[in-house]
Amino acid sequence: MATFEESLKQLEKIVDQLEHGDLPLEESIRLFEDGVRLSSSCKQELDAAEGKVQILMKERDGSMRAEPFPGK
């Protein structure tokens, strides 16, 4: 399984290829499908990471408490 960074780099490459518009229709459709799959995978990873992120807030007494990362 590819890392988030590898998936993102591959997605960027697909976007570049599709933007040039000089591919046969079948190849463009295949690349588009791959891009949608990669985009979905990256979004899932980002959503999972966001769920794990916490911000430590300093209490008045000097102690620390964890708070969920603010939502979208």
N, C-alpha and C. Protein backbone atom coordinates (compact mmCIF):
# COMPACT_ATOMS: atom_id res chain seq x y z
N MET A 1 0.85 -1.19 0.00
CA MET A 1 0.00 0.00 0.00
C MET A 1 0.89 1.25 0.00
N ALA A 2 0.52 2.19 -0.82
CA ALA A 2 1.30 3.42 -0.96
C ALA A 2 1.08 4.34 0.24
N THR A 3 2.10 5.14 0.53
CA THR A 3 1.95 6.14 1.58
C THR A 3 1.09 7.28 1.07
N PHE A 4 0.64 8.13 1.99
CA PHE A 4 -0.15 9.30 1.61
C PHE A 4 0.62 10.15 0.61
N GLU A 5 1.89 10.37 0.90
CA GLU A 5 2.71 11.23 0.04
C GLU A 5 2.87 10.63 -1.35
N GLU A 6 3.04 9.31 -1.44
CA GLU A 6 3.17 8.65 -2.73
C GLU A 6 1.86 8.76 -3.52
N SER A 7 0.74 8.55 -2.84
CA SER A 7 -0.57 8.66 -3.48
C SER A 7 -0.82 10.07 -3.99
N LEU A 8 -0.46 11.05 -3.18
CA LEU A 8 -0.65 12.44 -3.57
C LEU A 8 0.22 12.79 -4.78
N LYS A 9 1.45 12.32 -4.79
CA LYS A 9 2.35 12.58 -5.91
C LYS A 9 1.81 11.93 -7.19
N GLN A 10 1.28 10.71 -7.06
CA GLN A 10 0.71 10.02 -8.21
C GLN A 10 -0.54 10.76 -8.71
N LEU A 11 -1.34 11.25 -7.78
CA LEU A 11 -2.53 12.02 -8.15
C LEU A 11 -2.15 13.30 -8.90
N GLU A 12 -1.11 13.98 -8.43
CA GLU A 12 -0.63 15.19 -9.11
C GLU A 12 -0.16 14.87 -10.53
N LYS A 13 0.50 13.74 -10.70
CA LYS A 13 0.98 13.33 -12.02
C LYS A 13 -0.20 13.08 -12.96
N ILE A 14 -1.25 12.43 -12.44
CA ILE A 14 -2.44 12.17 -13.24
C ILE A 14 -3.10 13.48 -13.66
N VAL A 15 -3.21 14.41 -12.73
CA VAL A 15 -3.81 15.71 -13.05
C VAL A 15 -3.01 16.41 -14.15
N ASP A 16 -1.69 16.38 -14.05
CA ASP A 16 -0.86 16.99 -15.08
C ASP A 16 -1.12 16.35 -16.45
N GLN A 17 -1.20 15.02 -16.48
CA GLN A 17 -1.44 14.32 -17.74
C GLN A 17 -2.80 14.70 -18.33
N LEU A 18 -3.81 14.75 -17.47
CA LEU A 18 -5.15 15.07 -17.95
C LEU A 18 -5.26 16.52 -18.40
N GLU A 19 -4.53 17.41 -17.77
CA GLU A 19 -4.59 18.83 -18.14
C GLU A 19 -4.03 19.09 -19.53
N HIS A 20 -3.09 18.26 -19.96
CA HIS A 20 -2.51 18.45 -21.29
C HIS A 20 -3.51 18.11 -22.39
N GLY A 21 -4.44 17.21 -22.10
CA GLY A 21 -5.52 16.90 -23.03
C GLY A 21 -5.12 16.22 -24.32
N ASP A 22 -3.92 15.65 -24.40
CA ASP A 22 -3.48 15.02 -25.64
C ASP A 22 -3.50 13.49 -25.56
N LEU A 23 -4.30 12.94 -24.64
CA LEU A 23 -4.39 11.49 -24.48
C LEU A 23 -5.63 10.96 -25.20
N PRO A 24 -5.56 9.70 -25.62
CA PRO A 24 -6.77 9.09 -26.18
C PRO A 24 -7.87 9.03 -25.11
N LEU A 25 -9.10 9.01 -25.54
CA LEU A 25 -10.24 9.02 -24.63
C LEU A 25 -10.16 7.88 -23.61
N GLU A 26 -9.86 6.68 -24.06
CA GLU A 26 -9.81 5.52 -23.17
C GLU A 26 -8.76 5.72 -22.07
N GLU A 27 -7.61 6.25 -22.44
CA GLU A 27 -6.55 6.50 -21.48
C GLU A 27 -6.96 7.61 -20.49
N SER A 28 -7.62 8.63 -20.99
CA SER A 28 -8.10 9.71 -20.12
C SER A 28 -9.10 9.18 -19.10
N ILE A 29 -10.01 8.32 -19.54
CA ILE A 29 -11.00 7.75 -18.62
C ILE A 29 -10.31 6.89 -17.57
N ARG A 30 -9.36 6.08 -17.99
CA ARG A 30 -8.63 5.22 -17.04
C ARG A 30 -7.90 6.07 -16.00
N LEU A 31 -7.22 7.12 -16.46
CA LEU A 31 -6.51 8.00 -15.56
C LEU A 31 -7.47 8.72 -14.61
N PHE A 32 -8.61 9.14 -15.14
CA PHE A 32 -9.61 9.81 -14.31
C PHE A 32 -10.10 8.86 -13.21
N GLU A 33 -10.38 7.62 -13.57
CA GLU A 33 -10.81 6.63 -12.57
C GLU A 33 -9.73 6.41 -11.52
N ASP A 34 -8.48 6.31 -11.94
CA ASP A 34 -7.37 6.16 -10.99
C ASP A 34 -7.28 7.38 -10.08
N GLY A 35 -7.48 8.57 -10.65
CA GLY A 35 -7.42 9.80 -9.87
C GLY A 35 -8.52 9.86 -8.83
N VAL A 36 -9.72 9.45 -9.19
CA VAL A 36 -10.82 9.44 -8.23
C VAL A 36 -10.52 8.48 -7.09
N ARG A 37 -9.98 7.31 -7.42
CA ARG A 37 -9.62 6.32 -6.40
C ARG A 37 -8.54 6.87 -5.46
N LEU A 38 -7.52 7.49 -6.03
CA LEU A 38 -6.45 8.06 -5.23
C LEU A 38 -6.95 9.21 -4.36
N SER A 39 -7.80 10.04 -4.92
CA SER A 39 -8.36 11.16 -4.18
C SER A 39 -9.16 10.66 -2.97
N SER A 40 -9.95 9.64 -3.19
CA SER A 40 -10.75 9.06 -2.11
C SER A 40 -9.85 8.48 -1.02
N SER A 41 -8.81 7.80 -1.44
CA SER A 41 -7.87 7.21 -0.48
C SER A 41 -7.17 8.29 0.34
N CYS A 42 -6.74 9.36 -0.31
CA CYS A 42 -6.07 10.46 0.39
C CYS A 42 -7.04 11.13 1.37
N LYS A 43 -8.29 11.31 0.96
CA LYS A 43 -9.28 11.94 1.84
C LYS A 43 -9.51 11.08 3.08
N GLN A 44 -9.60 9.78 2.89
CA GLN A 44 -9.79 8.87 4.03
C GLN A 44 -8.62 8.97 5.00
N GLU A 45 -7.41 9.03 4.47
CA GLU A 45 -6.24 9.15 5.33
C GLU A 45 -6.24 10.48 6.08
N LEU A 46 -6.60 11.55 5.40
CA LEU A 46 -6.66 12.86 6.06
C LEU A 46 -7.73 12.88 7.15
N ASP A 47 -8.88 12.29 6.86
CA ASP A 47 -9.96 12.23 7.86
C ASP A 47 -9.52 11.43 9.09
N ALA A 48 -8.82 10.32 8.86
CA ALA A 48 -8.34 9.51 9.97
C ALA A 48 -7.30 10.28 10.79
N ALA A 49 -6.42 11.00 10.12
CA ALA A 49 -5.39 11.77 10.83
C ALA A 49 -6.02 12.89 11.63
N GLU A 50 -7.03 13.54 11.05
CA GLU A 50 -7.70 14.64 11.74
C GLU A 50 -8.34 14.13 13.02
N GLY A 51 -8.88 12.92 12.98
CA GLY A 51 -9.49 12.34 14.16
C GLY A 51 -8.50 12.07 15.28
N LYS A 52 -7.23 11.94 14.95
CA LYS A 52 -6.20 11.64 15.94
C LYS A 52 -5.53 12.89 16.51
N VAL A 53 -5.64 13.99 15.77
CA VAL A 53 -4.95 15.21 16.18
C VAL A 53 -5.64 15.81 17.41
N GLN A 54 -4.86 16.18 18.36
CA GLN A 54 -5.40 16.85 19.54
C GLN A 54 -4.56 18.07 19.85
N ILE A 55 -5.22 19.06 20.41
CA ILE A 55 -4.53 20.29 20.80
C ILE A 55 -4.46 20.31 22.32
N LEU A 56 -3.29 20.54 22.83
CA LEU A 56 -3.14 20.64 24.28
C LEU A 56 -3.40 22.08 24.70
N MET A 57 -4.28 22.23 25.64
CA MET A 57 -4.63 23.56 26.15
C MET A 57 -4.17 23.68 27.60
N LYS A 58 -3.54 24.77 27.92
CA LYS A 58 -3.06 24.99 29.27
C LYS A 58 -4.20 25.49 30.14
N GLU A 59 -4.43 24.78 31.23
CA GLU A 59 -5.46 25.17 32.19
C GLU A 59 -4.93 26.29 33.08
N ARG A 60 -5.82 26.95 33.78
CA ARG A 60 -5.42 28.04 34.67
C ARG A 60 -4.44 27.59 35.74
N ASP A 61 -4.59 26.34 36.19
CA ASP A 61 -3.70 25.83 37.24
C ASP A 61 -2.37 25.31 36.69
N GLY A 62 -2.15 25.45 35.39
CA GLY A 62 -0.88 25.03 34.79
C GLY A 62 -0.92 23.63 34.21
N SER A 63 -1.97 22.88 34.52
CA SER A 63 -2.06 21.53 33.97
C SER A 63 -2.45 21.59 32.49
N MET A 64 -2.28 20.49 31.83
CA MET A 64 -2.61 20.42 30.40
C MET A 64 -3.81 19.51 30.22
N ARG A 65 -4.63 19.84 29.23
CA ARG A 65 -5.75 18.97 28.89
C ARG A 65 -5.79 18.83 27.37
N ALA A 66 -6.26 17.70 26.91
CA ALA A 66 -6.35 17.46 25.48
C ALA A 66 -7.74 17.82 25.00
N GLU A 67 -7.80 18.45 23.84
CA GLU A 67 -9.08 18.78 23.20
C GLU A 67 -9.05 18.25 21.79
N PRO A 68 -10.18 17.80 21.29
CA PRO A 68 -10.23 17.35 19.89
C PRO A 68 -9.89 18.51 18.96
N PHE A 69 -9.29 18.17 17.85
CA PHE A 69 -8.96 19.15 16.82
C PHE A 69 -10.25 19.74 16.29
N PRO A 70 -10.31 21.08 16.13
CA PRO A 70 -11.54 21.70 15.63
C PRO A 70 -11.95 21.10 14.29
N GLY A 71 -13.23 20.87 14.11
CA GLY A 71 -13.76 20.28 12.88
C GLY A 71 -13.67 21.23 11.71
N LYS A 72 -14.14 20.75 10.60
CA LYS A 72 -14.07 21.49 9.33
C LYS A 72 -14.87 22.75 9.37
